Amino acid sequence: MSDANAKPLVSAVDLHKQFGETPVLRGVNLQVHAGEILCIIGPSGSGKSTFLRCINQLETYQAGRLYVGGELIGYQETGGRLRSISNRQVVLQRRRIGMVFQQFNLFWHMTVKENIIEAPIRVLGQSPAQANENAMRLLERVGLAAKADAYPMKLSGGQQQRAAIARALAMNPDLMLFDEPTSALDPETTGEVLSVISELASTGMTMIIVTHEMGFARQIADRVVLMEEGQIRHEAPPDQFFGEQAPARLRAFLSTIH
């Protein structure tokens, strides 16, 4: 649980993003404190994934401000104007942020362990010995030590996603982003992945999780957010968010996915 009086780790201020003429984020204002677990739910096309991708600089935003650890993400500000930062600066900012995608995004030509050690060696400058030691520790943590030398195509979907989580953790991030981490999985492997995320939550890792798993959100989140049409429509602790006093629009949305 976070300290509500502390400075937020993530702060979005009037954030706007559009693709062509289509607005996707329309004035998002949101704060996430260190150690907090925020779950974002909402209908398809509401801007949930785009918001995560802006945090990790896989997408650029056109207006507003986005801060991680007090640092402006993606831009430098001079005289009230934003100027894009260099690719090198993007890499330096991104190393603090781990992201797990819907479709795993593993390198198919590399073994599981090779997937995990690639970035720590190339970006963090770890020695191969150190990176290998850390990789095995993380694989043990996610229950995949026996699959270290296997290629992703030989793993189940749940195993691939657990490997992707280990790869993100290998960068020792301050923040973990999960974009519908179980949407491509069957019910059995979904449980495997949610168990790993729950264990990670118990360590105090700050996480923003876009999910359609309402029971999981209710169990794990410190706060739940409904995003719709590129805006934050409602946010509350899970007991209130899913309670009988929730706004009618939220109850109507929840009824469509139960």
Protein backbone atom coordinates (compact mmCIF):
# COMPACT_ATOMS: atom_id res chain seq x y z
CA MET A 1 0.00 0.00 0.00
CA SER A 2 1.31 3.43 -0.93
CA ASP A 3 1.73 6.55 1.19
CA ALA A 4 -0.95 8.92 -0.11
CA ASN A 5 1.05 11.95 1.12
CA ALA A 6 4.16 11.01 -0.87
CA LYS A 7 4.96 12.38 -4.30
CA PRO A 8 3.38 10.13 -6.98
CA LEU A 9 5.60 7.78 -8.95
CA VAL A 10 3.40 8.24 -12.05
CA SER A 11 1.50 11.41 -12.82
CA ALA A 12 -0.56 12.08 -15.95
CA VAL A 13 -1.74 15.68 -16.30
CA ASP A 14 -4.40 16.50 -18.90
CA LEU A 15 -2.90 13.89 -21.23
CA HIS A 16 -4.08 13.90 -24.86
CA LYS A 17 -3.30 11.46 -27.64
CA GLN A 18 -4.82 11.02 -31.06
CA PHE A 19 -4.22 8.83 -34.09
CA GLY A 20 -4.76 10.99 -37.13
CA GLU A 21 -8.04 12.78 -36.52
CA THR A 22 -9.23 10.23 -33.95
CA PRO A 23 -8.81 11.21 -30.28
CA VAL A 24 -7.80 8.27 -28.07
CA LEU A 25 -6.83 9.96 -24.80
CA ARG A 26 -8.89 13.03 -23.98
CA GLY A 27 -7.51 14.75 -20.91
CA VAL A 28 -6.40 11.87 -18.69
CA ASN A 29 -5.51 12.93 -15.14
CA LEU A 30 -4.19 10.12 -12.97
CA GLN A 31 -1.65 9.57 -10.23
CA VAL A 32 -0.08 6.34 -9.02
CA HIS A 33 2.07 6.22 -5.90
CA ALA A 34 5.06 4.00 -5.23
CA GLY A 35 3.94 0.60 -4.02
CA GLU A 36 0.40 1.06 -5.34
CA ILE A 37 -1.38 -1.42 -7.57
CA LEU A 38 -3.76 0.25 -9.99
CA CYS A 39 -6.08 -1.78 -12.19
CA ILE A 40 -7.63 -0.15 -15.26
CA ILE A 41 -10.77 -1.57 -16.79
CA GLY A 42 -13.04 -0.36 -19.56
CA PRO A 43 -14.55 -1.23 -22.92
CA SER A 44 -12.45 -1.97 -25.97
CA GLY A 45 -11.09 1.17 -27.60
CA SER A 46 -11.29 3.26 -24.44
CA GLY A 47 -7.58 4.17 -24.45
CA LYS A 48 -6.34 1.78 -21.75
CA SER A 49 -3.52 0.19 -23.74
CA THR A 50 -2.59 3.50 -25.37
CA PHE A 51 -2.16 5.05 -21.93
CA LEU A 52 0.30 2.30 -20.92
CA ARG A 53 2.15 2.64 -24.22
CA CYS A 54 2.56 6.38 -23.62
CA ILE A 55 4.08 5.69 -20.21
CA ASN A 56 6.59 3.31 -21.80
CA GLN A 57 7.14 5.64 -24.79
CA LEU A 58 5.88 3.19 -27.37
CA GLU A 59 3.48 5.99 -28.30
CA THR A 60 3.93 9.75 -28.06
CA TYR A 61 1.30 12.05 -26.65
CA GLN A 62 0.42 15.39 -28.22
CA ALA A 63 -0.61 17.47 -25.22
CA GLY A 64 -0.45 17.41 -21.45
CA ARG A 65 2.35 16.08 -19.29
CA LEU A 66 3.38 12.61 -18.15
CA TYR A 67 5.86 12.08 -15.34
CA VAL A 68 7.51 8.96 -13.91
CA GLY A 69 9.57 9.44 -10.78
CA GLY A 70 9.20 13.19 -11.18
CA GLU A 71 10.83 13.10 -14.62
CA LEU A 72 8.93 14.32 -17.68
CA ILE A 73 8.49 11.35 -20.00
CA GLY A 74 9.28 11.64 -23.70
CA TYR A 75 9.96 15.36 -23.79
CA GLN A 76 12.00 18.24 -22.45
CA GLU A 77 10.12 21.39 -21.52
CA THR A 78 11.54 24.79 -22.38
CA GLY A 79 9.53 27.95 -21.89
CA GLY A 80 6.33 25.97 -21.58
CA ARG A 81 6.94 24.14 -24.87
CA LEU A 82 7.67 20.44 -25.28
CA ARG A 83 10.60 19.19 -27.35
CA SER A 84 11.11 15.49 -28.08
CA ILE A 85 14.08 13.85 -26.38
CA SER A 86 16.67 11.73 -28.19
CA ASN A 87 16.40 7.98 -28.69
CA ARG A 88 19.21 7.50 -26.19
CA GLN A 89 17.27 9.46 -23.58
CA VAL A 90 14.17 7.39 -24.34
CA VAL A 91 16.14 4.20 -23.65
CA LEU A 92 17.40 5.61 -20.35
CA GLN A 93 13.87 6.52 -19.26
CA ARG A 94 12.38 3.24 -20.45
CA ARG A 95 14.85 1.11 -18.48
CA ARG A 96 13.01 2.07 -15.28
CA ILE A 97 9.71 0.74 -16.64
CA GLY A 98 8.90 -2.91 -17.28
CA MET A 99 6.06 -3.82 -19.63
CA VAL A 100 4.28 -7.11 -20.26
CA PHE A 101 2.15 -7.32 -23.38
CA GLN A 102 -0.87 -9.36 -24.45
CA GLN A 103 1.11 -11.36 -27.00
CA PHE A 104 4.29 -12.00 -24.97
CA ASN A 105 6.69 -10.40 -27.55
CA LEU A 106 9.48 -12.88 -26.89
CA PHE A 107 12.28 -13.38 -29.41
CA TRP A 108 11.49 -16.73 -31.02
CA HIS A 109 15.07 -17.42 -32.12
CA MET A 110 16.38 -17.12 -28.54
CA THR A 111 15.99 -19.47 -25.61
CA VAL A 112 14.02 -18.33 -22.59
CA LYS A 113 17.21 -17.46 -20.71
CA GLU A 114 18.68 -15.65 -23.71
CA ASN A 115 15.50 -13.55 -23.92
CA ILE A 116 15.97 -12.53 -20.30
CA ILE A 117 19.69 -11.69 -20.37
CA GLU A 118 19.64 -9.71 -23.64
CA ALA A 119 18.62 -6.30 -22.25
CA PRO A 120 20.52 -6.44 -18.94
CA ILE A 121 23.75 -7.08 -20.86
CA ARG A 122 23.14 -4.60 -23.68
CA VAL A 123 21.37 -1.82 -21.77
CA LEU A 124 22.47 -2.18 -18.15
CA GLY A 125 25.99 -3.35 -18.92
CA GLN A 126 25.76 -6.46 -16.75
CA SER A 127 28.38 -9.15 -17.26
CA PRO A 128 27.10 -12.39 -18.86
CA ALA A 129 27.75 -14.21 -15.59
CA GLN A 130 25.73 -11.71 -13.56
CA ALA A 131 22.92 -11.62 -16.13
CA ASN A 132 22.75 -15.43 -16.23
CA GLU A 133 22.64 -15.65 -12.44
CA ASN A 134 19.84 -13.10 -12.24
CA ALA A 135 17.95 -14.82 -15.06
CA MET A 136 17.99 -18.16 -13.29
CA ARG A 137 16.84 -16.53 -10.06
CA LEU A 138 13.91 -14.91 -11.88
CA LEU A 139 13.02 -18.10 -13.73
CA GLU A 140 12.93 -19.92 -10.42
CA ARG A 141 10.65 -17.20 -9.10
CA VAL A 142 8.15 -17.60 -11.95
CA GLY A 143 8.38 -21.40 -11.94
CA LEU A 144 10.31 -21.81 -15.18
CA ALA A 145 13.84 -22.77 -14.12
CA ALA A 146 13.52 -26.09 -15.94
CA LYS A 147 12.67 -24.24 -19.18
CA ALA A 148 15.71 -21.93 -19.24
CA ASP A 149 17.15 -23.51 -22.40
CA ALA A 150 13.83 -24.06 -24.16
CA TYR A 151 12.69 -21.93 -27.08
CA PRO A 152 9.42 -19.98 -26.70
CA MET A 153 7.61 -22.06 -29.33
CA LYS A 154 8.03 -25.08 -27.06
CA LEU A 155 6.23 -23.36 -24.16
CA SER A 156 2.53 -23.01 -23.41
CA GLY A 157 0.99 -19.55 -23.55
CA GLY A 158 1.08 -19.26 -19.78
CA GLN A 159 4.74 -20.25 -19.70
CA GLN A 160 5.56 -17.73 -22.40
CA GLN A 161 3.84 -14.98 -20.42
CA ARG A 162 5.68 -15.95 -17.25
CA ALA A 163 8.93 -15.79 -19.21
CA ALA A 164 7.93 -12.33 -20.43
CA ILE A 165 7.36 -11.23 -16.83
CA ALA A 166 10.80 -12.53 -15.86
CA ARG A 167 12.32 -10.64 -18.79
CA ALA A 168 10.70 -7.38 -17.67
CA LEU A 169 11.83 -7.91 -14.08
CA ALA A 170 15.42 -8.50 -15.19
CA MET A 171 15.76 -4.75 -15.77
CA ASN A 172 14.95 -4.15 -12.08
CA PRO A 173 12.24 -1.59 -12.94
CA ASP A 174 10.60 0.89 -10.59
CA LEU A 175 7.26 0.35 -12.33
CA MET A 176 5.60 -2.63 -14.02
CA LEU A 177 2.93 -2.22 -16.70
CA PHE A 178 0.69 -5.13 -17.65
CA ASP A 179 -1.45 -4.80 -20.79
CA GLU A 180 -4.19 -7.47 -20.60
CA PRO A 181 -1.60 -10.10 -19.60
CA THR A 182 -4.10 -12.98 -19.67
CA SER A 183 -6.25 -12.08 -22.68
CA ALA A 184 -4.50 -14.60 -24.96
CA LEU A 185 -4.57 -17.44 -22.42
CA ASP A 186 -6.94 -20.27 -21.59
CA PRO A 187 -8.45 -20.46 -18.07
CA GLU A 188 -5.86 -22.88 -16.70
CA THR A 189 -2.81 -20.89 -17.80
CA THR A 190 -4.52 -17.62 -16.82
CA GLY A 191 -4.34 -18.78 -13.21
CA GLU A 192 -0.60 -19.43 -13.52
CA VAL A 193 0.08 -15.90 -14.70
CA LEU A 194 -2.21 -14.21 -12.18
CA SER A 195 -0.47 -16.15 -9.40
CA VAL A 196 2.91 -14.77 -10.49
CA ILE A 197 1.53 -11.21 -10.63
CA SER A 198 0.00 -11.66 -7.16
CA GLU A 199 3.37 -12.79 -5.80
CA LEU A 200 4.98 -9.75 -7.37
CA ALA A 201 2.37 -7.53 -5.75
CA SER A 202 3.29 -8.90 -2.33
CA THR A 203 6.82 -7.50 -2.75
CA GLY A 204 5.60 -3.89 -3.00
CA MET A 205 6.22 -3.44 -6.73
CA THR A 206 4.31 -0.54 -8.24
CA MET A 207 2.03 -1.88 -10.96
CA ILE A 208 -0.52 -0.58 -13.45
CA ILE A 209 -2.58 -3.46 -14.80
CA VAL A 210 -5.05 -3.23 -17.68
CA THR A 211 -7.29 -6.24 -17.20
CA HIS A 212 -10.68 -7.76 -17.89
CA GLU A 213 -10.34 -10.13 -14.91
CA MET A 214 -12.69 -8.42 -12.47
CA GLY A 215 -12.22 -10.91 -9.65
CA PHE A 216 -8.45 -10.50 -9.90
CA ALA A 217 -8.73 -6.70 -9.92
CA ARG A 218 -10.93 -6.78 -6.85
CA GLN A 219 -8.45 -8.99 -5.03
CA ILE A 220 -5.15 -7.37 -5.96
CA ALA A 221 -5.79 -3.65 -6.58
CA ASP A 222 -5.39 -0.77 -4.17
CA ARG A 223 -7.47 1.27 -6.61
CA VAL A 224 -9.52 0.50 -9.72
CA VAL A 225 -10.15 2.90 -12.59
CA LEU A 226 -12.84 2.84 -15.26
CA MET A 227 -11.60 4.35 -18.51
CA GLU A 228 -14.09 5.12 -21.26
CA GLU A 229 -13.78 7.17 -24.44
CA GLY A 230 -10.26 8.24 -23.51
CA GLN A 231 -11.18 9.61 -20.10
CA ILE A 232 -11.14 8.46 -16.48
CA ARG A 233 -14.81 8.03 -15.62
CA HIS A 234 -14.54 6.61 -12.12
CA GLU A 235 -11.88 5.53 -9.63
CA ALA A 236 -12.14 4.05 -6.15
CA PRO A 237 -10.76 1.33 -3.88
CA PRO A 238 -12.04 -2.07 -5.06
CA ASP A 239 -14.64 -2.53 -2.31
CA GLN A 240 -16.25 0.76 -3.30
CA PHE A 241 -15.63 0.36 -7.02
CA PHE A 242 -17.44 -2.96 -7.19
CA GLY A 243 -19.92 -2.14 -4.44
CA GLU A 244 -23.62 -1.42 -4.61
CA GLN A 245 -23.04 2.33 -4.50
CA ALA A 246 -21.03 2.34 -7.73
CA PRO A 247 -22.31 4.77 -10.40
CA ALA A 248 -24.97 3.45 -12.76
CA ARG A 249 -22.68 3.63 -15.82
CA LEU A 250 -20.05 1.52 -14.06
CA ARG A 251 -22.61 -1.04 -12.92
CA ALA A 252 -23.94 -1.24 -16.50
CA PHE A 253 -20.43 -1.90 -17.83
CA LEU A 254 -19.68 -4.52 -15.19
CA SER A 255 -22.93 -6.30 -16.02
CA THR A 256 -21.71 -6.85 -19.58
CA ILE A 257 -18.62 -8.80 -18.50
CA HIS A 258 -19.94 -10.90 -15.62
